Full PDB file with SEQRES, HELIX, SHEET, SSBOND, CRYST1, ORIGX, SCALE, CONECT and MASTER records, all heavy atoms in Angstrom:
SEQRES   1 A   42  ILE VAL PHE LEU THR VAL ALA ASP VAL PHE LEU ARG LEU          
SEQRES   2 A   42  PHE LYS LEU PRO ILE GLU GLY THR TYR GLU ILE VAL SER          
SEQRES   3 A   42  MET LEU GLY ALA VAL VAL ILE GLY PHE ALA ILE PRO GLN          
SEQRES   4 A   42  THR THR ILE                                                  
HELIX    1 AA1 VAL A    2  LEU A   13  1                                  12    
HELIX    2 AA2 THR A   21  THR A   41  1                                  21    
CRYST1    1.000    1.000    1.000  90.00  90.00  90.00 P 1           1          
ORIGX1      1.000000  0.000000  0.000000        0.00000                         
ORIGX2      0.000000  1.000000  0.000000        0.00000                         
ORIGX3      0.000000  0.000000  1.000000        0.00000                         
SCALE1      1.000000  0.000000  0.000000        0.00000                         
SCALE2      0.000000  1.000000  0.000000        0.00000                         
SCALE3      0.000000  0.000000  1.000000        0.00000                         
ATOM      1  N   ILE A   1     189.897  62.857 122.717  1.00  0.00           N  
ATOM      2  CA  ILE A   1     190.778  63.711 121.885  1.00  0.00           C  
ATOM      3  C   ILE A   1     191.467  64.684 122.873  1.00  0.00           C  
ATOM      4  O   ILE A   1     192.715  64.864 122.732  1.00  0.00           O  
ATOM      5  CB  ILE A   1     189.988  64.487 120.920  1.00  0.00           C  
ATOM      6  CG1 ILE A   1     189.471  63.624 119.804  1.00  0.00           C  
ATOM      7  CG2 ILE A   1     190.715  65.689 120.318  1.00  0.00           C  
ATOM      8  CD1 ILE A   1     188.474  64.261 118.796  1.00  0.00           C  
ATOM      9  N   VAL A   2     190.754  65.249 123.793  1.00  0.00           N  
ATOM     10  CA  VAL A   2     191.343  66.222 124.709  1.00  0.00           C  
ATOM     11  C   VAL A   2     192.486  65.553 125.540  1.00  0.00           C  
ATOM     12  O   VAL A   2     193.620  66.069 125.649  1.00  0.00           O  
ATOM     13  CB  VAL A   2     190.295  66.855 125.596  1.00  0.00           C  
ATOM     14  CG1 VAL A   2     190.930  67.643 126.728  1.00  0.00           C  
ATOM     15  CG2 VAL A   2     189.375  67.710 124.840  1.00  0.00           C  
ATOM     16  N   PHE A   3     192.128  64.408 126.209  1.00  0.00           N  
ATOM     17  CA  PHE A   3     193.153  63.694 127.009  1.00  0.00           C  
ATOM     18  C   PHE A   3     194.345  63.290 126.129  1.00  0.00           C  
ATOM     19  O   PHE A   3     195.502  63.433 126.590  1.00  0.00           O  
ATOM     20  CB  PHE A   3     192.508  62.541 127.713  1.00  0.00           C  
ATOM     21  CG  PHE A   3     191.781  62.907 128.992  1.00  0.00           C  
ATOM     22  CD1 PHE A   3     190.437  62.497 129.011  1.00  0.00           C  
ATOM     23  CD2 PHE A   3     192.328  63.688 129.946  1.00  0.00           C  
ATOM     24  CE1 PHE A   3     189.689  62.886 130.204  1.00  0.00           C  
ATOM     25  CE2 PHE A   3     191.591  64.080 131.077  1.00  0.00           C  
ATOM     26  CZ  PHE A   3     190.244  63.629 131.157  1.00  0.00           C  
ATOM     27  N   LEU A   4     194.147  62.698 124.983  1.00  0.00           N  
ATOM     28  CA  LEU A   4     195.203  62.293 124.139  1.00  0.00           C  
ATOM     29  C   LEU A   4     196.124  63.434 123.749  1.00  0.00           C  
ATOM     30  O   LEU A   4     197.305  63.297 123.754  1.00  0.00           O  
ATOM     31  CB  LEU A   4     194.703  61.563 122.923  1.00  0.00           C  
ATOM     32  CG  LEU A   4     195.691  60.967 121.940  1.00  0.00           C  
ATOM     33  CD1 LEU A   4     196.544  59.939 122.641  1.00  0.00           C  
ATOM     34  CD2 LEU A   4     195.015  60.334 120.792  1.00  0.00           C  
ATOM     35  N   THR A   5     195.508  64.517 123.314  1.00  0.00           N  
ATOM     36  CA  THR A   5     196.290  65.697 122.956  1.00  0.00           C  
ATOM     37  C   THR A   5     197.144  66.327 124.091  1.00  0.00           C  
ATOM     38  O   THR A   5     198.289  66.534 123.876  1.00  0.00           O  
ATOM     39  CB  THR A   5     195.344  66.765 122.348  1.00  0.00           C  
ATOM     40  OG1 THR A   5     194.591  66.232 121.226  1.00  0.00           O  
ATOM     41  CG2 THR A   5     196.141  67.947 121.807  1.00  0.00           C  
ATOM     42  N   VAL A   6     196.433  66.408 125.170  1.00  0.00           N  
ATOM     43  CA  VAL A   6     197.213  66.946 126.373  1.00  0.00           C  
ATOM     44  C   VAL A   6     198.311  65.963 126.800  1.00  0.00           C  
ATOM     45  O   VAL A   6     199.431  66.424 127.043  1.00  0.00           O  
ATOM     46  CB  VAL A   6     196.241  67.194 127.590  1.00  0.00           C  
ATOM     47  CG1 VAL A   6     196.972  67.448 128.842  1.00  0.00           C  
ATOM     48  CG2 VAL A   6     195.283  68.327 127.242  1.00  0.00           C  
ATOM     49  N   ALA A   7     198.068  64.710 126.776  1.00  0.00           N  
ATOM     50  CA  ALA A   7     199.049  63.737 127.167  1.00  0.00           C  
ATOM     51  C   ALA A   7     200.251  63.819 126.157  1.00  0.00           C  
ATOM     52  O   ALA A   7     201.438  63.752 126.528  1.00  0.00           O  
ATOM     53  CB  ALA A   7     198.519  62.400 127.205  1.00  0.00           C  
ATOM     54  N   ASP A   8     199.888  63.880 124.876  1.00  0.00           N  
ATOM     55  CA  ASP A   8     200.978  63.940 123.893  1.00  0.00           C  
ATOM     56  C   ASP A   8     201.835  65.147 124.005  1.00  0.00           C  
ATOM     57  O   ASP A   8     203.041  65.144 123.904  1.00  0.00           O  
ATOM     58  CB  ASP A   8     200.381  63.881 122.476  1.00  0.00           C  
ATOM     59  CG  ASP A   8     201.367  63.762 121.366  1.00  0.00           C  
ATOM     60  OD1 ASP A   8     202.263  62.902 121.487  1.00  0.00           O  
ATOM     61  OD2 ASP A   8     201.279  64.577 120.368  1.00  0.00           O  
ATOM     62  N   VAL A   9     201.152  66.354 124.188  1.00  0.00           N  
ATOM     63  CA  VAL A   9     201.950  67.598 124.361  1.00  0.00           C  
ATOM     64  C   VAL A   9     202.807  67.508 125.630  1.00  0.00           C  
ATOM     65  O   VAL A   9     203.992  67.862 125.635  1.00  0.00           O  
ATOM     66  CB  VAL A   9     200.963  68.793 124.434  1.00  0.00           C  
ATOM     67  CG1 VAL A   9     201.707  70.014 124.853  1.00  0.00           C  
ATOM     68  CG2 VAL A   9     200.268  69.019 123.077  1.00  0.00           C  
ATOM     69  N   PHE A  10     202.270  67.008 126.684  1.00  0.00           N  
ATOM     70  CA  PHE A  10     203.036  66.878 127.931  1.00  0.00           C  
ATOM     71  C   PHE A  10     204.194  65.959 127.728  1.00  0.00           C  
ATOM     72  O   PHE A  10     205.335  66.194 128.223  1.00  0.00           O  
ATOM     73  CB  PHE A  10     202.134  66.413 129.103  1.00  0.00           C  
ATOM     74  CG  PHE A  10     202.832  66.290 130.391  1.00  0.00           C  
ATOM     75  CD1 PHE A  10     203.196  67.408 131.121  1.00  0.00           C  
ATOM     76  CD2 PHE A  10     203.159  65.048 130.942  1.00  0.00           C  
ATOM     77  CE1 PHE A  10     203.873  67.262 132.306  1.00  0.00           C  
ATOM     78  CE2 PHE A  10     203.813  64.879 132.125  1.00  0.00           C  
ATOM     79  CZ  PHE A  10     204.141  66.019 132.856  1.00  0.00           C  
ATOM     80  N   LEU A  11     203.961  64.761 127.138  1.00  0.00           N  
ATOM     81  CA  LEU A  11     204.999  63.765 127.004  1.00  0.00           C  
ATOM     82  C   LEU A  11     206.102  64.228 126.023  1.00  0.00           C  
ATOM     83  O   LEU A  11     207.283  63.753 126.076  1.00  0.00           O  
ATOM     84  CB  LEU A  11     204.415  62.449 126.576  1.00  0.00           C  
ATOM     85  CG  LEU A  11     203.681  61.738 127.691  1.00  0.00           C  
ATOM     86  CD1 LEU A  11     203.041  60.477 127.195  1.00  0.00           C  
ATOM     87  CD2 LEU A  11     204.581  61.420 128.917  1.00  0.00           C  
ATOM     88  N   ARG A  12     205.757  65.151 125.098  1.00  0.00           N  
ATOM     89  CA  ARG A  12     206.745  65.678 124.211  1.00  0.00           C  
ATOM     90  C   ARG A  12     207.834  66.454 124.888  1.00  0.00           C  
ATOM     91  O   ARG A  12     208.917  66.615 124.422  1.00  0.00           O  
ATOM     92  CB  ARG A  12     206.118  66.492 123.084  1.00  0.00           C  
ATOM     93  CG  ARG A  12     205.421  65.621 122.008  1.00  0.00           C  
ATOM     94  CD  ARG A  12     204.784  66.451 120.942  1.00  0.00           C  
ATOM     95  NE  ARG A  12     204.044  65.639 120.010  1.00  0.00           N  
ATOM     96  CZ  ARG A  12     204.565  65.033 118.964  1.00  0.00           C  
ATOM     97  NH1 ARG A  12     205.825  65.203 118.601  1.00  0.00           N  
ATOM     98  NH2 ARG A  12     203.754  64.280 118.194  1.00  0.00           N  
ATOM     99  N   LEU A  13     207.473  67.004 126.084  1.00  0.00           N  
ATOM    100  CA  LEU A  13     208.410  67.782 126.900  1.00  0.00           C  
ATOM    101  C   LEU A  13     209.532  66.854 127.292  1.00  0.00           C  
ATOM    102  O   LEU A  13     210.715  67.296 127.486  1.00  0.00           O  
ATOM    103  CB  LEU A  13     207.709  68.422 128.135  1.00  0.00           C  
ATOM    104  CG  LEU A  13     206.710  69.476 127.854  1.00  0.00           C  
ATOM    105  CD1 LEU A  13     206.041  69.875 129.097  1.00  0.00           C  
ATOM    106  CD2 LEU A  13     207.325  70.698 127.188  1.00  0.00           C  
ATOM    107  N   PHE A  14     209.278  65.610 127.512  1.00  0.00           N  
ATOM    108  CA  PHE A  14     210.185  64.571 127.865  1.00  0.00           C  
ATOM    109  C   PHE A  14     210.724  63.745 126.664  1.00  0.00           C  
ATOM    110  O   PHE A  14     211.310  62.659 126.877  1.00  0.00           O  
ATOM    111  CB  PHE A  14     209.618  63.658 128.970  1.00  0.00           C  
ATOM    112  CG  PHE A  14     209.149  64.445 130.164  1.00  0.00           C  
ATOM    113  CD1 PHE A  14     207.794  64.654 130.319  1.00  0.00           C  
ATOM    114  CD2 PHE A  14     210.068  64.942 131.086  1.00  0.00           C  
ATOM    115  CE1 PHE A  14     207.351  65.340 131.465  1.00  0.00           C  
ATOM    116  CE2 PHE A  14     209.576  65.657 132.181  1.00  0.00           C  
ATOM    117  CZ  PHE A  14     208.265  65.860 132.349  1.00  0.00           C  
ATOM    118  N   LYS A  15     210.416  64.259 125.469  1.00  0.00           N  
ATOM    119  CA  LYS A  15     210.795  63.527 124.266  1.00  0.00           C  
ATOM    120  C   LYS A  15     210.191  62.141 124.122  1.00  0.00           C  
ATOM    121  O   LYS A  15     210.836  61.180 123.698  1.00  0.00           O  
ATOM    122  CB  LYS A  15     212.328  63.508 124.094  1.00  0.00           C  
ATOM    123  CG  LYS A  15     212.974  64.868 124.225  1.00  0.00           C  
ATOM    124  CD  LYS A  15     213.995  65.089 123.106  1.00  0.00           C  
ATOM    125  CE  LYS A  15     214.726  66.448 123.307  1.00  0.00           C  
ATOM    126  NZ  LYS A  15     213.986  67.568 123.014  1.00  0.00           N  
ATOM    127  N   LEU A  16     208.982  61.967 124.600  1.00  0.00           N  
ATOM    128  CA  LEU A  16     208.265  60.748 124.556  1.00  0.00           C  
ATOM    129  C   LEU A  16     206.873  60.929 123.918  1.00  0.00           C  
ATOM    130  O   LEU A  16     205.824  60.669 124.575  1.00  0.00           O  
ATOM    131  CB  LEU A  16     208.061  60.160 125.997  1.00  0.00           C  
ATOM    132  CG  LEU A  16     209.270  59.778 126.698  1.00  0.00           C  
ATOM    133  CD1 LEU A  16     208.990  59.485 128.197  1.00  0.00           C  
ATOM    134  CD2 LEU A  16     209.978  58.593 126.103  1.00  0.00           C  
ATOM    135  N   PRO A  17     206.796  61.404 122.689  1.00  0.00           N  
ATOM    136  CA  PRO A  17     205.463  61.590 122.036  1.00  0.00           C  
ATOM    137  C   PRO A  17     204.690  60.273 121.913  1.00  0.00           C  
ATOM    138  O   PRO A  17     205.265  59.184 121.842  1.00  0.00           O  
ATOM    139  CB  PRO A  17     205.886  62.165 120.632  1.00  0.00           C  
ATOM    140  CG  PRO A  17     207.169  61.558 120.358  1.00  0.00           C  
ATOM    141  CD  PRO A  17     207.871  61.513 121.682  1.00  0.00           C  
ATOM    142  N   ILE A  18     203.389  60.407 121.901  1.00  0.00           N  
ATOM    143  CA  ILE A  18     202.539  59.284 121.706  1.00  0.00           C  
ATOM    144  C   ILE A  18     202.409  59.004 120.234  1.00  0.00           C  
ATOM    145  O   ILE A  18     201.966  59.829 119.441  1.00  0.00           O  
ATOM    146  CB  ILE A  18     201.135  59.498 122.292  1.00  0.00           C  
ATOM    147  CG1 ILE A  18     201.297  59.749 123.810  1.00  0.00           C  
ATOM    148  CG2 ILE A  18     200.246  58.309 122.020  1.00  0.00           C  
ATOM    149  CD1 ILE A  18     199.945  60.116 124.506  1.00  0.00           C  
ATOM    150  N   GLU A  19     202.796  57.822 119.799  1.00  0.00           N  
ATOM    151  CA  GLU A  19     202.892  57.489 118.358  1.00  0.00           C  
ATOM    152  C   GLU A  19     201.386  57.364 117.850  1.00  0.00           C  
ATOM    153  O   GLU A  19     200.609  56.707 118.464  1.00  0.00           O  
ATOM    154  CB  GLU A  19     203.650  56.234 118.119  1.00  0.00           C  
ATOM    155  CG  GLU A  19     204.031  56.023 116.702  1.00  0.00           C  
ATOM    156  CD  GLU A  19     204.987  54.911 116.590  1.00  0.00           C  
ATOM    157  OE1 GLU A  19     205.945  54.765 117.437  1.00  0.00           O  
ATOM    158  OE2 GLU A  19     204.884  54.170 115.607  1.00  0.00           O  
ATOM    159  N   GLY A  20     201.184  57.939 116.721  1.00  0.00           N  
ATOM    160  CA  GLY A  20     199.826  57.831 116.065  1.00  0.00           C  
ATOM    161  C   GLY A  20     198.783  58.784 116.670  1.00  0.00           C  
ATOM    162  O   GLY A  20     197.543  58.631 116.289  1.00  0.00           O  
ATOM    163  N   THR A  21     199.201  59.755 117.361  1.00  0.00           N  
ATOM    164  CA  THR A  21     198.227  60.696 117.946  1.00  0.00           C  
ATOM    165  C   THR A  21     197.441  61.362 116.829  1.00  0.00           C  
ATOM    166  O   THR A  21     196.175  61.472 116.904  1.00  0.00           O  
ATOM    167  CB  THR A  21     198.941  61.778 118.796  1.00  0.00           C  
ATOM    168  OG1 THR A  21     199.599  61.103 119.867  1.00  0.00           O  
ATOM    169  CG2 THR A  21     197.969  62.788 119.312  1.00  0.00           C  
ATOM    170  N   TYR A  22     198.121  61.804 115.782  1.00  0.00           N  
ATOM    171  CA  TYR A  22     197.412  62.517 114.687  1.00  0.00           C  
ATOM    172  C   TYR A  22     196.319  61.592 114.067  1.00  0.00           C  
ATOM    173  O   TYR A  22     195.238  62.081 113.777  1.00  0.00           O  
ATOM    174  CB  TYR A  22     198.426  62.936 113.640  1.00  0.00           C  
ATOM    175  CG  TYR A  22     197.822  63.648 112.460  1.00  0.00           C  
ATOM    176  CD1 TYR A  22     197.467  65.014 112.575  1.00  0.00           C  
ATOM    177  CD2 TYR A  22     197.607  62.921 111.287  1.00  0.00           C  
ATOM    178  CE1 TYR A  22     196.865  65.621 111.542  1.00  0.00           C  
ATOM    179  CE2 TYR A  22     196.968  63.636 110.167  1.00  0.00           C  
ATOM    180  CZ  TYR A  22     196.651  64.980 110.352  1.00  0.00           C  
ATOM    181  OH  TYR A  22     196.068  65.622 109.274  1.00  0.00           O  
ATOM    182  N   GLU A  23     196.667  60.308 113.836  1.00  0.00           N  
ATOM    183  CA  GLU A  23     195.670  59.377 113.282  1.00  0.00           C  
ATOM    184  C   GLU A  23     194.406  59.205 114.175  1.00  0.00           C  
ATOM    185  O   GLU A  23     193.323  59.192 113.757  1.00  0.00           O  
ATOM    186  CB  GLU A  23     196.329  58.028 113.021  1.00  0.00           C  
ATOM    187  CG  GLU A  23     197.391  58.099 111.924  1.00  0.00           C  
ATOM    188  CD  GLU A  23     198.083  56.727 111.874  1.00  0.00           C  
ATOM    189  OE1 GLU A  23     197.735  55.761 112.611  1.00  0.00           O  
ATOM    190  OE2 GLU A  23     198.944  56.570 111.016  1.00  0.00           O  
ATOM    191  N   ILE A  24     194.715  58.968 115.484  1.00  0.00           N  
ATOM    192  CA  ILE A  24     193.586  58.759 116.442  1.00  0.00           C  
ATOM    193  C   ILE A  24     192.711  59.972 116.506  1.00  0.00           C  
ATOM    194  O   ILE A  24     191.513  59.856 116.474  1.00  0.00           O  
ATOM    195  CB  ILE A  24     194.200  58.356 117.768  1.00  0.00           C  
ATOM    196  CG1 ILE A  24     194.948  57.033 117.671  1.00  0.00           C  
ATOM    197  CG2 ILE A  24     193.027  58.227 118.763  1.00  0.00           C  
ATOM    198  CD1 ILE A  24     195.688  56.586 118.935  1.00  0.00           C  
ATOM    199  N   VAL A  25     193.389  61.168 116.608  1.00  0.00           N  
ATOM    200  CA  VAL A  25     192.615  62.401 116.743  1.00  0.00           C  
ATOM    201  C   VAL A  25     191.802  62.643 115.481  1.00  0.00           C  
ATOM    202  O   VAL A  25     190.609  63.059 115.552  1.00  0.00           O  
ATOM    203  CB  VAL A  25     193.556  63.614 117.076  1.00  0.00           C  
ATOM    204  CG1 VAL A  25     192.826  64.913 116.883  1.00  0.00           C  
ATOM    205  CG2 VAL A  25     194.094  63.465 118.496  1.00  0.00           C  
ATOM    206  N   SER A  26     192.344  62.402 114.295  1.00  0.00           N  
ATOM    207  CA  SER A  26     191.637  62.531 113.057  1.00  0.00           C  
ATOM    208  C   SER A  26     190.373  61.618 113.048  1.00  0.00           C  
ATOM    209  O   SER A  26     189.303  62.058 112.651  1.00  0.00           O  
ATOM    210  CB  SER A  26     192.535  62.207 111.810  1.00  0.00           C  
ATOM    211  OG  SER A  26     193.593  63.131 111.803  1.00  0.00           O  
ATOM    212  N   MET A  27     190.528  60.336 113.374  1.00  0.00           N  
ATOM    213  CA  MET A  27     189.405  59.463 113.302  1.00  0.00           C  
ATOM    214  C   MET A  27     188.366  59.765 114.428  1.00  0.00           C  
ATOM    215  O   MET A  27     187.220  59.795 114.110  1.00  0.00           O  
ATOM    216  CB  MET A  27     189.907  57.997 113.550  1.00  0.00           C  
ATOM    217  CG  MET A  27     190.656  57.409 112.428  1.00  0.00           C  
ATOM    218  SD  MET A  27     191.061  55.670 112.699  1.00  0.00           S  
ATOM    219  CE  MET A  27     192.065  55.330 111.308  1.00  0.00           C  
ATOM    220  N   LEU A  28     188.861  60.185 115.599  1.00  0.00           N  
ATOM    221  CA  LEU A  28     187.907  60.544 116.673  1.00  0.00           C  
ATOM    222  C   LEU A  28     187.191  61.834 116.293  1.00  0.00           C  
ATOM    223  O   LEU A  28     186.024  62.051 116.634  1.00  0.00           O  
ATOM    224  CB  LEU A  28     188.634  60.669 117.994  1.00  0.00           C  
ATOM    225  CG  LEU A  28     189.035  59.384 118.608  1.00  0.00           C  
ATOM    226  CD1 LEU A  28     189.852  59.611 119.896  1.00  0.00           C  
ATOM    227  CD2 LEU A  28     187.895  58.462 118.887  1.00  0.00           C  
ATOM    228  N   GLY A  29     187.886  62.708 115.545  1.00  0.00           N  
ATOM    229  CA  GLY A  29     187.226  63.992 115.124  1.00  0.00           C  
ATOM    230  C   GLY A  29     186.067  63.721 114.195  1.00  0.00           C  
ATOM    231  O   GLY A  29     185.014  64.326 114.312  1.00  0.00           O  
ATOM    232  N   ALA A  30     186.287  62.765 113.323  1.00  0.00           N  
ATOM    233  CA  ALA A  30     185.142  62.378 112.407  1.00  0.00           C  
ATOM    234  C   ALA A  30     183.979  61.782 113.228  1.00  0.00           C  
ATOM    235  O   ALA A  30     182.767  62.077 112.987  1.00  0.00           O  
ATOM    236  CB  ALA A  30     185.646  61.363 111.375  1.00  0.00           C  
ATOM    237  N   VAL A  31     184.293  60.999 114.277  1.00  0.00           N  
ATOM    238  CA  VAL A  31     183.292  60.442 115.138  1.00  0.00           C  
ATOM    239  C   VAL A  31     182.529  61.588 115.869  1.00  0.00           C  
ATOM    240  O   VAL A  31     181.254  61.560 115.932  1.00  0.00           O  
ATOM    241  CB  VAL A  31     183.849  59.412 116.117  1.00  0.00           C  
ATOM    242  CG1 VAL A  31     182.881  58.992 117.132  1.00  0.00           C  
ATOM    243  CG2 VAL A  31     184.349  58.145 115.328  1.00  0.00           C  
ATOM    244  N   VAL A  32     183.246  62.478 116.356  1.00  0.00           N  
ATOM    245  CA  VAL A  32     182.636  63.591 117.162  1.00  0.00           C  
ATOM    246  C   VAL A  32     181.690  64.371 116.285  1.00  0.00           C  
ATOM    247  O   VAL A  32     180.526  64.609 116.633  1.00  0.00           O  
ATOM    248  CB  VAL A  32     183.676  64.544 117.763  1.00  0.00           C  
ATOM    249  CG1 VAL A  32     183.079  65.838 118.238  1.00  0.00           C  
ATOM    250  CG2 VAL A  32     184.517  63.838 118.798  1.00  0.00           C  
ATOM    251  N   ILE A  33     182.136  64.717 115.061  1.00  0.00           N  
ATOM    252  CA  ILE A  33     181.264  65.573 114.192  1.00  0.00           C  
ATOM    253  C   ILE A  33     180.038  64.710 113.689  1.00  0.00           C  
ATOM    254  O   ILE A  33     178.932  65.177 113.871  1.00  0.00           O  
ATOM    255  CB  ILE A  33     182.058  66.084 113.045  1.00  0.00           C  
ATOM    256  CG1 ILE A  33     183.108  67.120 113.511  1.00  0.00           C  
ATOM    257  CG2 ILE A  33     181.174  66.725 111.954  1.00  0.00           C  
ATOM    258  CD1 ILE A  33     184.177  67.414 112.490  1.00  0.00           C  
ATOM    259  N   GLY A  34     180.336  63.581 113.163  1.00  0.00           N  
ATOM    260  CA  GLY A  34     179.269  62.783 112.594  1.00  0.00           C  
ATOM    261  C   GLY A  34     178.230  62.337 113.622  1.00  0.00           C  
ATOM    262  O   GLY A  34     177.004  62.401 113.417  1.00  0.00           O  
ATOM    263  N   PHE A  35     178.735  61.863 114.802  1.00  0.00           N  
ATOM    264  CA  PHE A  35     177.746  61.322 115.777  1.00  0.00           C  
ATOM    265  C   PHE A  35     176.998  62.425 116.562  1.00  0.00           C  
ATOM    266  O   PHE A  35     176.006  62.127 117.127  1.00  0.00           O  
ATOM    267  CB  PHE A  35     178.561  60.439 116.737  1.00  0.00           C  
ATOM    268  CG  PHE A  35     178.890  59.089 116.212  1.00  0.00           C  
ATOM    269  CD1 PHE A  35     179.403  58.940 114.913  1.00  0.00           C  
ATOM    270  CD2 PHE A  35     178.816  57.950 116.995  1.00  0.00           C  
ATOM    271  CE1 PHE A  35     179.746  57.655 114.448  1.00  0.00           C  
ATOM    272  CE2 PHE A  35     179.156  56.739 116.557  1.00  0.00           C  
ATOM    273  CZ  PHE A  35     179.630  56.580 115.282  1.00  0.00           C  
ATOM    274  N   ALA A  36     177.404  63.642 116.499  1.00  0.00           N  
ATOM    275  CA  ALA A  36     176.724  64.735 117.180  1.00  0.00           C  
ATOM    276  C   ALA A  36     175.634  65.414 116.330  1.00  0.00           C  
ATOM    277  O   ALA A  36     174.836  66.080 116.842  1.00  0.00           O  
ATOM    278  CB  ALA A  36     177.715  65.721 117.686  1.00  0.00           C  
ATOM    279  N   ILE A  37     175.686  65.195 115.000  1.00  0.00           N  
ATOM    280  CA  ILE A  37     174.754  65.842 114.081  1.00  0.00           C  
ATOM    281  C   ILE A  37     173.280  65.567 114.440  1.00  0.00           C  
ATOM    282  O   ILE A  37     172.535  66.548 114.509  1.00  0.00           O  
ATOM    283  CB  ILE A  37     175.120  65.522 112.606  1.00  0.00           C  
ATOM    284  CG1 ILE A  37     176.430  66.250 112.241  1.00  0.00           C  
ATOM    285  CG2 ILE A  37     174.002  65.968 111.725  1.00  0.00           C  
ATOM    286  CD1 ILE A  37     176.931  65.840 110.912  1.00  0.00           C  
ATOM    287  N   PRO A  38     172.874  64.341 114.670  1.00  0.00           N  
ATOM    288  CA  PRO A  38     171.420  64.104 114.848  1.00  0.00           C  
ATOM    289  C   PRO A  38     170.915  64.786 116.172  1.00  0.00           C  
ATOM    290  O   PRO A  38     169.826  65.401 116.164  1.00  0.00           O  
ATOM    291  CB  PRO A  38     171.318  62.621 114.992  1.00  0.00           C  
ATOM    292  CG  PRO A  38     172.433  62.061 114.167  1.00  0.00           C  
ATOM    293  CD  PRO A  38     173.563  63.034 114.404  1.00  0.00           C  
ATOM    294  N   GLN A  39     171.769  64.711 117.254  1.00  0.00           N  
ATOM    295  CA  GLN A  39     171.311  65.364 118.505  1.00  0.00           C  
ATOM    296  C   GLN A  39     171.248  66.874 118.341  1.00  0.00           C  
ATOM    297  O   GLN A  39     170.375  67.514 118.918  1.00  0.00           O  
ATOM    298  CB  GLN A  39     172.227  64.983 119.645  1.00  0.00           C  
ATOM    299  CG  GLN A  39     171.853  65.547 120.981  1.00  0.00           C  
ATOM    300  CD  GLN A  39     170.549  65.044 121.542  1.00  0.00           C  
ATOM    301  OE1 GLN A  39     170.129  63.902 121.251  1.00  0.00           O  
ATOM    302  NE2 GLN A  39     169.894  65.791 122.340  1.00  0.00           N  
ATOM    303  N   THR A  40     172.198  67.439 117.572  1.00  0.00           N  
ATOM    304  CA  THR A  40     172.180  68.891 117.342  1.00  0.00           C  
ATOM    305  C   THR A  40     170.900  69.298 116.591  1.00  0.00           C  
ATOM    306  O   THR A  40     170.404  70.336 116.882  1.00  0.00           O  
ATOM    307  CB  THR A  40     173.481  69.279 116.557  1.00  0.00           C  
ATOM    308  OG1 THR A  40     174.632  68.823 117.250  1.00  0.00           O  
ATOM    309  CG2 THR A  40     173.553  70.717 116.350  1.00  0.00           C  
ATOM    310  N   THR A  41     170.468  68.502 115.704  1.00  0.00           N  
ATOM    311  CA  THR A  41     169.285  68.752 115.009  1.00  0.00           C  
ATOM    312  C   THR A  41     168.076  68.743 115.962  1.00  0.00           C  
ATOM    313  O   THR A  41     167.226  69.587 115.967  1.00  0.00           O  
ATOM    314  CB  THR A  41     169.045  67.780 113.841  1.00  0.00           C  
ATOM    315  OG1 THR A  41     170.152  67.884 112.872  1.00  0.00           O  
ATOM    316  CG2 THR A  41     167.780  68.060 113.058  1.00  0.00           C  
ATOM    317  N   ILE A  42     168.030  67.698 116.819  1.00  0.00           N  
ATOM    318  CA  ILE A  42     166.927  67.604 117.743  1.00  0.00           C  
ATOM    319  C   ILE A  42     166.863  68.811 118.656  1.00  0.00           C  
ATOM    320  O   ILE A  42     165.823  69.380 118.964  1.00  0.00           O  
ATOM    321  CB  ILE A  42     167.038  66.290 118.514  1.00  0.00           C  
ATOM    322  CG1 ILE A  42     166.659  65.103 117.687  1.00  0.00           C  
ATOM    323  CG2 ILE A  42     166.117  66.294 119.801  1.00  0.00           C  
ATOM    324  CD1 ILE A  42     166.856  63.722 118.293  1.00  0.00           C  
TER     325      ILE A  42                                                      
MASTER        0    0    0    2    0    0    0    6  324    1    0    4          
END                                                                             
């Protein structure tokens, strides 16, 4: 998520946004939250 967001912001300076960044970040955000819950409990 961090690398994709930084790359997208940087490439937008050159008018070359990464297509689908919002979708990928949304899906990865669900993975981050969901997959971290059990370890957080431990």
